[in-house]
All heavy atoms as atom14 arrays in JSON, in Angstrom:
{
  "sequence": "CSFACTAAFIYKKKRKLSGAIVGLFCGWGCMVLVMLLWNYLITPIYMG",
  "atom14_mask": [
    [1, 1, 1, 1, 1, 1, 0, 0, 0, 0, 0, 0, 0, 0],
    [1, 1, 1, 1, 1, 1, 0, 0, 0, 0, 0, 0, 0, 0],
    [1, 1, 1, 1, 1, 1, 1, 1, 1, 1, 1, 0, 0, 0],
    [1, 1, 1, 1, 1, 0, 0, 0, 0, 0, 0, 0, 0, 0],
    [1, 1, 1, 1, 1, 1, 0, 0, 0, 0, 0, 0, 0, 0],
    [1, 1, 1, 1, 1, 1, 1, 0, 0, 0, 0, 0, 0, 0],
    [1, 1, 1, 1, 1, 0, 0, 0, 0, 0, 0, 0, 0, 0],
    [1, 1, 1, 1, 1, 0, 0, 0, 0, 0, 0, 0, 0, 0],
    [1, 1, 1, 1, 1, 1, 1, 1, 1, 1, 1, 0, 0, 0],
    [1, 1, 1, 1, 1, 1, 1, 1, 0, 0, 0, 0, 0, 0],
    [1, 1, 1, 1, 1, 1, 1, 1, 1, 1, 1, 1, 0, 0],
    [1, 1, 1, 1, 1, 1, 1, 1, 1, 0, 0, 0, 0, 0],
    [1, 1, 1, 1, 1, 1, 1, 1, 1, 0, 0, 0, 0, 0],
    [1, 1, 1, 1, 1, 1, 1, 1, 1, 0, 0, 0, 0, 0],
    [1, 1, 1, 1, 1, 1, 1, 1, 1, 1, 1, 0, 0, 0],
    [1, 1, 1, 1, 1, 1, 1, 1, 1, 0, 0, 0, 0, 0],
    [1, 1, 1, 1, 1, 1, 1, 1, 0, 0, 0, 0, 0, 0],
    [1, 1, 1, 1, 1, 1, 0, 0, 0, 0, 0, 0, 0, 0],
    [1, 1, 1, 1, 0, 0, 0, 0, 0, 0, 0, 0, 0, 0],
    [1, 1, 1, 1, 1, 0, 0, 0, 0, 0, 0, 0, 0, 0],
    [1, 1, 1, 1, 1, 1, 1, 1, 0, 0, 0, 0, 0, 0],
    [1, 1, 1, 1, 1, 1, 1, 0, 0, 0, 0, 0, 0, 0],
    [1, 1, 1, 1, 0, 0, 0, 0, 0, 0, 0, 0, 0, 0],
    [1, 1, 1, 1, 1, 1, 1, 1, 0, 0, 0, 0, 0, 0],
    [1, 1, 1, 1, 1, 1, 1, 1, 1, 1, 1, 0, 0, 0],
    [1, 1, 1, 1, 1, 1, 0, 0, 0, 0, 0, 0, 0, 0],
    [1, 1, 1, 1, 0, 0, 0, 0, 0, 0, 0, 0, 0, 0],
    [1, 1, 1, 1, 1, 1, 1, 1, 1, 1, 1, 1, 1, 1],
    [1, 1, 1, 1, 0, 0, 0, 0, 0, 0, 0, 0, 0, 0],
    [1, 1, 1, 1, 1, 1, 0, 0, 0, 0, 0, 0, 0, 0],
    [1, 1, 1, 1, 1, 1, 1, 1, 0, 0, 0, 0, 0, 0],
    [1, 1, 1, 1, 1, 1, 1, 0, 0, 0, 0, 0, 0, 0],
    [1, 1, 1, 1, 1, 1, 1, 1, 0, 0, 0, 0, 0, 0],
    [1, 1, 1, 1, 1, 1, 1, 0, 0, 0, 0, 0, 0, 0],
    [1, 1, 1, 1, 1, 1, 1, 1, 0, 0, 0, 0, 0, 0],
    [1, 1, 1, 1, 1, 1, 1, 1, 0, 0, 0, 0, 0, 0],
    [1, 1, 1, 1, 1, 1, 1, 1, 0, 0, 0, 0, 0, 0],
    [1, 1, 1, 1, 1, 1, 1, 1, 1, 1, 1, 1, 1, 1],
    [1, 1, 1, 1, 1, 1, 1, 1, 0, 0, 0, 0, 0, 0],
    [1, 1, 1, 1, 1, 1, 1, 1, 1, 1, 1, 1, 0, 0],
    [1, 1, 1, 1, 1, 1, 1, 1, 0, 0, 0, 0, 0, 0],
    [1, 1, 1, 1, 1, 1, 1, 1, 0, 0, 0, 0, 0, 0],
    [1, 1, 1, 1, 1, 1, 1, 0, 0, 0, 0, 0, 0, 0],
    [1, 1, 1, 1, 1, 1, 1, 0, 0, 0, 0, 0, 0, 0],
    [1, 1, 1, 1, 1, 1, 1, 1, 0, 0, 0, 0, 0, 0],
    [1, 1, 1, 1, 1, 1, 1, 1, 1, 1, 1, 1, 0, 0],
    [1, 1, 1, 1, 1, 1, 1, 1, 0, 0, 0, 0, 0, 0],
    [1, 1, 1, 1, 0, 0, 0, 0, 0, 0, 0, 0, 0, 0]
  ],
  "atom14_positions": [
    [[79.67, -24.47, -50.83], [80.01, -23.07, -51.04], [79.74, -22.62, -52.47], [79.31, -21.48, -52.7], [81.47, -22.84, -50.68], [81.81, -22.92, -48.92], [0.0, 0.0, 0.0], [0.0, 0.0, 0.0], [0.0, 0.0, 0.0], [0.0, 0.0, 0.0], [0.0, 0.0, 0.0], [0.0, 0.0, 0.0], [0.0, 0.0, 0.0], [0.0, 0.0, 0.0]],
    [[79.99, -23.49, -53.44], [79.74, -23.1, -54.82], [78.26, -22.81, -55.04], [77.9, -21.92, -55.83], [80.23, -24.19, -55.79], [79.57, -25.42, -55.54], [0.0, 0.0, 0.0], [0.0, 0.0, 0.0], [0.0, 0.0, 0.0], [0.0, 0.0, 0.0], [0.0, 0.0, 0.0], [0.0, 0.0, 0.0], [0.0, 0.0, 0.0], [0.0, 0.0, 0.0]],
    [[77.4, -23.53, -54.33], [75.96, -23.27, -54.43], [75.53, -22.1, -53.55], [75.01, -21.09, -54.02], [75.17, -24.52, -54.04], [73.69, -24.3, -53.9], [72.91, -24.04, -55.01], [73.08, -24.35, -52.65], [71.53, -23.81, -54.9], [71.71, -24.13, -52.52], [70.94, -23.87, -53.64], [0.0, 0.0, 0.0], [0.0, 0.0, 0.0], [0.0, 0.0, 0.0]],
    [[75.79, -22.21, -52.25], [75.22, -21.26, -51.28], [75.91, -19.9, -51.33], [75.23, -18.87, -51.25], [75.3, -21.85, -49.88], [0.0, 0.0, 0.0], [0.0, 0.0, 0.0], [0.0, 0.0, 0.0], [0.0, 0.0, 0.0], [0.0, 0.0, 0.0], [0.0, 0.0, 0.0], [0.0, 0.0, 0.0], [0.0, 0.0, 0.0], [0.0, 0.0, 0.0]],
    [[77.23, -19.87, -51.43], [77.94, -18.6, -51.44], [77.64, -17.8, -52.71], [77.53, -16.57, -52.67], [79.44, -18.81, -51.28], [79.92, -19.47, -49.67], [0.0, 0.0, 0.0], [0.0, 0.0, 0.0], [0.0, 0.0, 0.0], [0.0, 0.0, 0.0], [0.0, 0.0, 0.0], [0.0, 0.0, 0.0], [0.0, 0.0, 0.0], [0.0, 0.0, 0.0]],
    [[77.52, -18.5, -53.83], [77.15, -17.83, -55.09], [75.77, -17.2, -54.98], [75.58, -16.03, -55.34], [77.18, -18.82, -56.26], [78.47, -19.39, -56.37], [76.81, -18.13, -57.57], [0.0, 0.0, 0.0], [0.0, 0.0, 0.0], [0.0, 0.0, 0.0], [0.0, 0.0, 0.0], [0.0, 0.0, 0.0], [0.0, 0.0, 0.0], [0.0, 0.0, 0.0]],
    [[74.82, -17.97, -54.47], [73.45, -17.45, -54.3], [73.43, -16.26, -53.36], [72.79, -15.23, -53.63], [72.54, -18.56, -53.78], [0.0, 0.0, 0.0], [0.0, 0.0, 0.0], [0.0, 0.0, 0.0], [0.0, 0.0, 0.0], [0.0, 0.0, 0.0], [0.0, 0.0, 0.0], [0.0, 0.0, 0.0], [0.0, 0.0, 0.0], [0.0, 0.0, 0.0]],
    [[74.15, -16.36, -52.23], [74.16, -15.29, -51.24], [74.85, -14.03, -51.77], [74.41, -12.91, -51.49], [74.86, -15.77, -49.97], [0.0, 0.0, 0.0], [0.0, 0.0, 0.0], [0.0, 0.0, 0.0], [0.0, 0.0, 0.0], [0.0, 0.0, 0.0], [0.0, 0.0, 0.0], [0.0, 0.0, 0.0], [0.0, 0.0, 0.0], [0.0, 0.0, 0.0]],
    [[75.91, -14.22, -52.54], [76.64, -13.07, -53.1], [75.75, -12.28, -54.06], [75.7, -11.04, -54.0], [77.89, -13.56, -53.82], [78.67, -12.45, -54.48], [79.52, -11.65, -53.73], [78.56, -12.21, -55.85], [80.24, -10.62, -54.33], [79.27, -11.19, -56.45], [80.12, -10.39, -55.68], [0.0, 0.0, 0.0], [0.0, 0.0, 0.0], [0.0, 0.0, 0.0]],
    [[75.05, -12.97, -54.94], [74.18, -12.3, -55.9], [73.01, -11.63, -55.19], [72.64, -10.49, -55.49], [73.7, -13.29, -56.97], [74.89, -13.74, -57.83], [72.6, -12.68, -57.84], [74.57, -14.83, -58.81], [0.0, 0.0, 0.0], [0.0, 0.0, 0.0], [0.0, 0.0, 0.0], [0.0, 0.0, 0.0], [0.0, 0.0, 0.0], [0.0, 0.0, 0.0]],
    [[72.44, -12.33, -54.2], [71.32, -11.77, -53.46], [71.74, -10.54, -52.66], [70.97, -9.59, -52.5], [70.73, -12.83, -52.53], [69.52, -12.37, -51.76], [68.4, -11.86, -52.39], [69.5, -12.45, -50.36], [67.29, -11.44, -51.69], [68.39, -12.05, -49.64], [67.29, -11.53, -50.31], [66.19, -11.12, -49.59], [0.0, 0.0, 0.0], [0.0, 0.0, 0.0]],
    [[72.98, -10.53, -52.17], [73.48, -9.38, -51.42], [73.52, -8.13, -52.3], [73.33, -7.02, -51.83], [74.88, -9.7, -50.88], [75.46, -8.62, -49.97], [76.82, -9.04, -49.44], [77.4, -7.96, -48.52], [78.72, -8.35, -47.98], [0.0, 0.0, 0.0], [0.0, 0.0, 0.0], [0.0, 0.0, 0.0], [0.0, 0.0, 0.0], [0.0, 0.0, 0.0]],
    [[73.78, -8.34, -53.6], [73.84, -7.22, -54.54], [72.45, -6.74, -54.95], [72.28, -5.57, -55.31], [74.62, -7.64, -55.8], [76.06, -8.05, -55.54], [76.89, -6.9, -55.01], [78.33, -7.31, -54.81], [79.16, -6.2, -54.26], [0.0, 0.0, 0.0], [0.0, 0.0, 0.0], [0.0, 0.0, 0.0], [0.0, 0.0, 0.0], [0.0, 0.0, 0.0]],
    [[71.49, -7.64, -54.89], [70.13, -7.28, -55.3], [69.13, -7.96, -54.36], [68.68, -9.07, -54.61], [69.86, -7.72, -56.75], [68.54, -7.24, -57.31], [68.38, -7.65, -58.76], [67.07, -7.12, -59.34], [66.88, -7.53, -60.74], [0.0, 0.0, 0.0], [0.0, 0.0, 0.0], [0.0, 0.0, 0.0], [0.0, 0.0, 0.0], [0.0, 0.0, 0.0]],
    [[68.8, -7.27, -53.27], [67.99, -7.87, -52.22], [66.5, -7.75, -52.55], [65.75, -7.02, -51.9], [68.31, -7.25, -50.87], [69.77, -7.43, -50.45], [70.01, -7.03, -49.01], [69.44, -7.98, -48.09], [70.04, -9.1, -47.67], [71.25, -9.4, -48.12], [69.45, -9.9, -46.82], [0.0, 0.0, 0.0], [0.0, 0.0, 0.0], [0.0, 0.0, 0.0]],
    [[66.13, -8.44, -53.6], [64.74, -8.53, -54.02], [64.44, -9.99, -54.35], [65.34, -10.82, -54.41], [64.47, -7.66, -55.24], [64.66, -6.17, -54.99], [64.35, -5.36, -56.25], [64.52, -3.87, -56.0], [64.21, -3.08, -57.22], [0.0, 0.0, 0.0], [0.0, 0.0, 0.0], [0.0, 0.0, 0.0], [0.0, 0.0, 0.0], [0.0, 0.0, 0.0]],
    [[63.17, -10.28, -54.58], [62.78, -11.63, -54.95], [63.53, -12.09, -56.19], [64.03, -13.22, -56.25], [61.27, -11.7, -55.18], [60.7, -13.04, -55.64], [60.98, -14.13, -54.61], [59.21, -12.92, -55.92], [0.0, 0.0, 0.0], [0.0, 0.0, 0.0], [0.0, 0.0, 0.0], [0.0, 0.0, 0.0], [0.0, 0.0, 0.0], [0.0, 0.0, 0.0]],
    [[63.63, -11.22, -57.18], [64.33, -11.58, -58.41], [65.8, -11.88, -58.13], [66.39, -12.78, -58.74], [64.21, -10.46, -59.45], [64.74, -9.24, -58.93], [0.0, 0.0, 0.0], [0.0, 0.0, 0.0], [0.0, 0.0, 0.0], [0.0, 0.0, 0.0], [0.0, 0.0, 0.0], [0.0, 0.0, 0.0], [0.0, 0.0, 0.0], [0.0, 0.0, 0.0]],
    [[66.41, -11.13, -57.21], [67.8, -11.37, -56.85], [67.99, -12.73, -56.19], [68.98, -13.42, -56.46], [0.0, 0.0, 0.0], [0.0, 0.0, 0.0], [0.0, 0.0, 0.0], [0.0, 0.0, 0.0], [0.0, 0.0, 0.0], [0.0, 0.0, 0.0], [0.0, 0.0, 0.0], [0.0, 0.0, 0.0], [0.0, 0.0, 0.0], [0.0, 0.0, 0.0]],
    [[67.04, -13.12, -55.34], [67.12, -14.42, -54.68], [66.99, -15.55, -55.7], [67.75, -16.53, -55.66], [66.02, -14.54, -53.62], [0.0, 0.0, 0.0], [0.0, 0.0, 0.0], [0.0, 0.0, 0.0], [0.0, 0.0, 0.0], [0.0, 0.0, 0.0], [0.0, 0.0, 0.0], [0.0, 0.0, 0.0], [0.0, 0.0, 0.0], [0.0, 0.0, 0.0]],
    [[66.05, -15.41, -56.63], [65.84, -16.45, -57.63], [67.04, -16.57, -58.56], [67.55, -17.67, -58.82], [64.56, -16.18, -58.43], [63.33, -16.3, -57.53], [64.43, -17.15, -59.61], [62.03, -15.9, -58.19], [0.0, 0.0, 0.0], [0.0, 0.0, 0.0], [0.0, 0.0, 0.0], [0.0, 0.0, 0.0], [0.0, 0.0, 0.0], [0.0, 0.0, 0.0]],
    [[67.53, -15.42, -59.05], [68.7, -15.43, -59.93], [69.9, -16.01, -59.19], [70.67, -16.82, -59.73], [69.02, -14.01, -60.44], [70.37, -13.99, -61.15], [67.93, -13.53, -61.4], [0.0, 0.0, 0.0], [0.0, 0.0, 0.0], [0.0, 0.0, 0.0], [0.0, 0.0, 0.0], [0.0, 0.0, 0.0], [0.0, 0.0, 0.0], [0.0, 0.0, 0.0]],
    [[70.06, -15.62, -57.93], [71.18, -16.13, -57.14], [71.13, -17.63, -56.97], [72.15, -18.32, -57.12], [0.0, 0.0, 0.0], [0.0, 0.0, 0.0], [0.0, 0.0, 0.0], [0.0, 0.0, 0.0], [0.0, 0.0, 0.0], [0.0, 0.0, 0.0], [0.0, 0.0, 0.0], [0.0, 0.0, 0.0], [0.0, 0.0, 0.0], [0.0, 0.0, 0.0]],
    [[69.95, -18.17, -56.68], [69.81, -19.61, -56.49], [70.05, -20.38, -57.79], [70.68, -21.44, -57.79], [68.43, -19.93, -55.92], [68.22, -19.53, -54.45], [66.75, -19.6, -54.06], [69.05, -20.41, -53.53], [0.0, 0.0, 0.0], [0.0, 0.0, 0.0], [0.0, 0.0, 0.0], [0.0, 0.0, 0.0], [0.0, 0.0, 0.0], [0.0, 0.0, 0.0]],
    [[69.55, -19.84, -58.9], [69.79, -20.51, -60.18], [71.27, -20.44, -60.56], [71.83, -21.42, -61.08], [68.93, -19.88, -61.28], [67.57, -20.5, -61.4], [66.47, -19.96, -60.74], [67.36, -21.63, -62.18], [65.21, -20.54, -60.84], [66.11, -22.22, -62.3], [65.03, -21.68, -61.62], [0.0, 0.0, 0.0], [0.0, 0.0, 0.0], [0.0, 0.0, 0.0]],
    [[71.91, -19.3, -60.31], [73.35, -19.2, -60.59], [74.15, -20.12, -59.68], [75.12, -20.75, -60.12], [73.81, -17.75, -60.42], [73.25, -16.64, -61.72], [0.0, 0.0, 0.0], [0.0, 0.0, 0.0], [0.0, 0.0, 0.0], [0.0, 0.0, 0.0], [0.0, 0.0, 0.0], [0.0, 0.0, 0.0], [0.0, 0.0, 0.0], [0.0, 0.0, 0.0]],
    [[73.73, -20.21, -58.41], [74.38, -21.13, -57.49], [74.24, -22.58, -57.95], [75.2, -23.37, -57.86], [0.0, 0.0, 0.0], [0.0, 0.0, 0.0], [0.0, 0.0, 0.0], [0.0, 0.0, 0.0], [0.0, 0.0, 0.0], [0.0, 0.0, 0.0], [0.0, 0.0, 0.0], [0.0, 0.0, 0.0], [0.0, 0.0, 0.0], [0.0, 0.0, 0.0]],
    [[73.07, -22.9, -58.44], [72.81, -24.24, -58.97], [73.75, -24.55, -60.14], [74.44, -25.57, -60.15], [71.35, -24.3, -59.41], [70.87, -25.6, -59.98], [71.54, -26.78, -60.04], [69.59, -25.84, -60.56], [70.75, -27.76, -60.62], [69.55, -27.2, -60.95], [68.47, -25.04, -60.79], [68.43, -27.77, -61.56], [67.35, -25.61, -61.39], [67.33, -26.96, -61.77]],
    [[73.81, -23.64, -61.1], [74.67, -23.85, -62.25], [76.14, -23.88, -61.88], [76.91, -24.71, -62.41], [0.0, 0.0, 0.0], [0.0, 0.0, 0.0], [0.0, 0.0, 0.0], [0.0, 0.0, 0.0], [0.0, 0.0, 0.0], [0.0, 0.0, 0.0], [0.0, 0.0, 0.0], [0.0, 0.0, 0.0], [0.0, 0.0, 0.0], [0.0, 0.0, 0.0]],
    [[76.55, -23.0, -60.98], [77.95, -22.97, -60.54], [78.34, -24.28, -59.87], [79.41, -24.83, -60.14], [78.15, -21.79, -59.58], [79.84, -21.62, -58.98], [0.0, 0.0, 0.0], [0.0, 0.0, 0.0], [0.0, 0.0, 0.0], [0.0, 0.0, 0.0], [0.0, 0.0, 0.0], [0.0, 0.0, 0.0], [0.0, 0.0, 0.0], [0.0, 0.0, 0.0]],
    [[77.46, -24.79, -59.01], [77.76, -26.04, -58.32], [77.92, -27.2, -59.3], [78.83, -28.02, -59.16], [76.66, -26.38, -57.31], [77.0, -27.53, -56.41], [75.54, -28.4, -55.81], [75.01, -29.25, -57.3], [0.0, 0.0, 0.0], [0.0, 0.0, 0.0], [0.0, 0.0, 0.0], [0.0, 0.0, 0.0], [0.0, 0.0, 0.0], [0.0, 0.0, 0.0]],
    [[77.06, -27.26, -60.3], [77.13, -28.35, -61.28], [78.47, -28.32, -62.0], [79.16, -29.35, -62.12], [75.96, -28.24, -62.3], [76.17, -29.22, -63.46], [74.63, -28.53, -61.61], [0.0, 0.0, 0.0], [0.0, 0.0, 0.0], [0.0, 0.0, 0.0], [0.0, 0.0, 0.0], [0.0, 0.0, 0.0], [0.0, 0.0, 0.0], [0.0, 0.0, 0.0]],
    [[78.87, -27.14, -62.47], [80.13, -27.03, -63.22], [81.34, -27.28, -62.32], [82.27, -28.01, -62.71], [80.23, -25.64, -63.85], [79.2, -25.32, -64.93], [79.35, -23.87, -65.4], [79.33, -26.27, -66.11], [0.0, 0.0, 0.0], [0.0, 0.0, 0.0], [0.0, 0.0, 0.0], [0.0, 0.0, 0.0], [0.0, 0.0, 0.0], [0.0, 0.0, 0.0]],
    [[81.32, -26.69, -61.15], [82.45, -26.84, -60.23], [82.63, -28.3, -59.81], [83.74, -28.82, -59.77], [82.27, -25.94, -58.99], [83.24, -26.33, -57.88], [82.47, -24.48, -59.37], [0.0, 0.0, 0.0], [0.0, 0.0, 0.0], [0.0, 0.0, 0.0], [0.0, 0.0, 0.0], [0.0, 0.0, 0.0], [0.0, 0.0, 0.0], [0.0, 0.0, 0.0]],
    [[81.51, -28.97, -59.53], [81.62, -30.35, -59.04], [82.01, -31.32, -60.15], [82.62, -32.35, -59.88], [80.32, -30.78, -58.37], [80.06, -30.05, -57.05], [81.51, -29.98, -55.95], [81.74, -31.71, -55.57], [0.0, 0.0, 0.0], [0.0, 0.0, 0.0], [0.0, 0.0, 0.0], [0.0, 0.0, 0.0], [0.0, 0.0, 0.0], [0.0, 0.0, 0.0]],
    [[81.67, -31.02, -61.38], [82.16, -31.85, -62.48], [83.69, -31.81, -62.54], [84.35, -32.83, -62.71], [81.57, -31.39, -63.81], [80.12, -31.79, -64.11], [79.67, -31.19, -65.44], [79.97, -33.31, -64.14], [0.0, 0.0, 0.0], [0.0, 0.0, 0.0], [0.0, 0.0, 0.0], [0.0, 0.0, 0.0], [0.0, 0.0, 0.0], [0.0, 0.0, 0.0]],
    [[84.24, -30.6, -62.38], [85.69, -30.44, -62.39], [86.32, -31.17, -61.2], [87.28, -31.94, -61.37], [86.06, -28.96, -62.34], [87.55, -28.65, -62.16], [88.37, -29.2, -63.32], [87.75, -27.14, -62.0], [0.0, 0.0, 0.0], [0.0, 0.0, 0.0], [0.0, 0.0, 0.0], [0.0, 0.0, 0.0], [0.0, 0.0, 0.0], [0.0, 0.0, 0.0]],
    [[85.76, -30.96, -60.0], [86.37, -31.55, -58.81], [86.13, -33.05, -58.72], [86.96, -33.77, -58.16], [85.87, -30.83, -57.55], [86.61, -29.54, -57.37], [86.25, -28.32, -57.87], [87.85, -29.35, -56.7], [87.19, -27.37, -57.54], [88.19, -27.97, -56.82], [88.72, -30.19, -56.01], [89.35, -27.45, -56.27], [89.88, -29.66, -55.46], [90.18, -28.31, -55.59]],
    [[85.04, -33.53, -59.26], [84.86, -34.99, -59.33], [85.91, -35.61, -60.25], [86.44, -36.69, -59.96], [83.46, -35.34, -59.83], [82.4, -35.25, -58.75], [81.36, -34.63, -58.94], [82.65, -35.87, -57.6], [0.0, 0.0, 0.0], [0.0, 0.0, 0.0], [0.0, 0.0, 0.0], [0.0, 0.0, 0.0], [0.0, 0.0, 0.0], [0.0, 0.0, 0.0]],
    [[86.22, -34.91, -61.32], [87.27, -35.4, -62.23], [88.63, -35.43, -61.53], [89.41, -36.38, -61.69], [87.33, -34.5, -63.46], [88.52, -34.77, -64.35], [88.56, -35.87, -65.21], [89.64, -33.93, -64.32], [89.66, -36.13, -66.01], [90.75, -34.18, -65.12], [90.74, -35.28, -65.96], [91.85, -35.53, -66.74], [0.0, 0.0, 0.0], [0.0, 0.0, 0.0]],
    [[88.9, -34.41, -60.71], [90.2, -34.29, -60.07], [90.35, -35.18, -58.83], [91.39, -35.81, -58.62], [90.46, -32.83, -59.67], [90.59, -31.81, -60.81], [90.69, -30.4, -60.23], [91.8, -32.12, -61.67], [0.0, 0.0, 0.0], [0.0, 0.0, 0.0], [0.0, 0.0, 0.0], [0.0, 0.0, 0.0], [0.0, 0.0, 0.0], [0.0, 0.0, 0.0]],
    [[89.3, -35.22, -58.0], [89.43, -35.82, -56.66], [88.85, -37.21, -56.55], [89.39, -38.06, -55.82], [88.77, -34.9, -55.6], [89.44, -33.52, -55.61], [88.86, -35.51, -54.22], [90.89, -33.54, -55.22], [0.0, 0.0, 0.0], [0.0, 0.0, 0.0], [0.0, 0.0, 0.0], [0.0, 0.0, 0.0], [0.0, 0.0, 0.0], [0.0, 0.0, 0.0]],
    [[87.76, -37.5, -57.24], [87.09, -38.8, -57.09], [88.03, -39.99, -57.31], [87.96, -40.98, -56.56], [85.86, -38.9, -58.01], [84.94, -37.86, -57.65], [85.17, -40.24, -57.86], [0.0, 0.0, 0.0], [0.0, 0.0, 0.0], [0.0, 0.0, 0.0], [0.0, 0.0, 0.0], [0.0, 0.0, 0.0], [0.0, 0.0, 0.0], [0.0, 0.0, 0.0]],
    [[88.9, -39.96, -58.32], [89.83, -41.1, -58.49], [90.7, -41.35, -57.25], [91.08, -42.48, -56.98], [90.69, -40.69, -59.68], [89.85, -39.71, -60.44], [89.07, -38.96, -59.39], [0.0, 0.0, 0.0], [0.0, 0.0, 0.0], [0.0, 0.0, 0.0], [0.0, 0.0, 0.0], [0.0, 0.0, 0.0], [0.0, 0.0, 0.0], [0.0, 0.0, 0.0]],
    [[90.97, -40.28, -56.49], [91.84, -40.41, -55.32], [91.07, -41.0, -54.13], [91.48, -42.0, -53.55], [92.44, -39.04, -54.93], [93.26, -38.48, -56.09], [93.3, -39.17, -53.67], [93.74, -37.05, -55.87], [0.0, 0.0, 0.0], [0.0, 0.0, 0.0], [0.0, 0.0, 0.0], [0.0, 0.0, 0.0], [0.0, 0.0, 0.0], [0.0, 0.0, 0.0]],
    [[89.94, -40.37, -53.77], [89.28, -40.8, -52.54], [88.32, -41.97, -52.73], [87.94, -42.62, -51.75], [88.61, -39.62, -51.83], [87.24, -39.23, -52.28], [86.11, -39.74, -51.65], [87.06, -38.31, -53.31], [84.84, -39.35, -52.04], [85.79, -37.91, -53.69], [84.69, -38.44, -53.05], [83.44, -38.04, -53.44], [0.0, 0.0, 0.0], [0.0, 0.0, 0.0]],
    [[87.96, -42.29, -53.98], [87.13, -43.47, -54.21], [87.94, -44.65, -54.74], [87.42, -45.75, -54.87], [85.98, -43.15, -55.18], [84.95, -42.17, -54.63], [84.17, -42.72, -53.09], [83.4, -44.24, -53.59], [0.0, 0.0, 0.0], [0.0, 0.0, 0.0], [0.0, 0.0, 0.0], [0.0, 0.0, 0.0], [0.0, 0.0, 0.0], [0.0, 0.0, 0.0]],
    [[89.19, -44.39, -55.11], [90.03, -45.46, -55.65], [89.62, -45.91, -57.03], [89.9, -47.04, -57.44], [0.0, 0.0, 0.0], [0.0, 0.0, 0.0], [0.0, 0.0, 0.0], [0.0, 0.0, 0.0], [0.0, 0.0, 0.0], [0.0, 0.0, 0.0], [0.0, 0.0, 0.0], [0.0, 0.0, 0.0], [0.0, 0.0, 0.0], [0.0, 0.0, 0.0]]
  ]
}
Protein backbone atom coordinates (compact mmCIF):
# COMPACT_ATOMS: atom_id res chain seq x y z
CA CYS A 1 0.00 0.00 0.00
CA SER A 2 2.81 2.43 0.74
CA PHE A 3 4.04 1.91 -2.82
CA ALA A 4 0.89 1.35 -4.86
CA CYS A 5 -1.61 3.57 -3.02
CA THR A 6 0.82 6.50 -3.01
CA ALA A 7 1.42 6.14 -6.75
CA ALA A 8 -2.32 5.80 -7.47
CA PHE A 9 -3.24 8.79 -5.29
CA ILE A 10 -0.79 11.11 -7.05
CA TYR A 11 -1.77 9.81 -10.48
CA LYS A 12 -5.45 10.36 -9.65
CA LYS A 13 -4.66 14.04 -9.08
CA LYS A 14 -2.69 14.36 -12.31
CA ARG A 15 -3.73 11.82 -14.94
CA LYS A 16 -0.84 12.38 -17.31
CA LEU A 17 2.40 10.58 -18.04
CA SER A 18 4.25 12.93 -15.72
CA GLY A 19 1.72 12.19 -12.96
CA ALA A 20 2.25 8.45 -13.34
CA ILE A 21 6.04 8.79 -13.20
CA VAL A 22 5.99 11.18 -10.23
CA GLY A 23 3.50 8.91 -8.47
CA LEU A 24 5.63 5.80 -8.96
CA PHE A 25 8.79 7.54 -7.79
CA CYS A 26 6.97 8.92 -4.73
CA GLY A 27 5.53 5.47 -4.06
CA TRP A 28 9.03 4.03 -4.29
CA GLY A 29 10.43 6.54 -1.82
CA CYS A 30 7.46 6.21 0.53
CA MET A 31 7.79 2.43 0.61
CA VAL A 32 11.50 2.59 1.42
CA LEU A 33 10.97 4.97 4.35
CA VAL A 34 7.87 3.24 5.68
CA MET A 35 9.42 -0.22 5.54
CA LEU A 36 12.56 0.91 7.34
CA LEU A 37 10.34 2.04 10.21
CA TRP A 38 8.20 -1.11 10.20
CA ASN A 39 11.18 -3.42 9.87
CA TYR A 40 12.59 -1.75 12.97
CA LEU A 41 9.30 -2.22 14.83
CA ILE A 42 8.07 -5.63 13.63
CA THR A 43 11.03 -7.69 12.39
CA PRO A 44 12.37 -8.42 15.90
CA ILE A 45 8.96 -9.89 16.76
CA TYR A 46 8.17 -12.09 13.77
CA MET A 47 11.75 -13.10 12.92
CA GLY A 48 12.88 -13.56 16.53
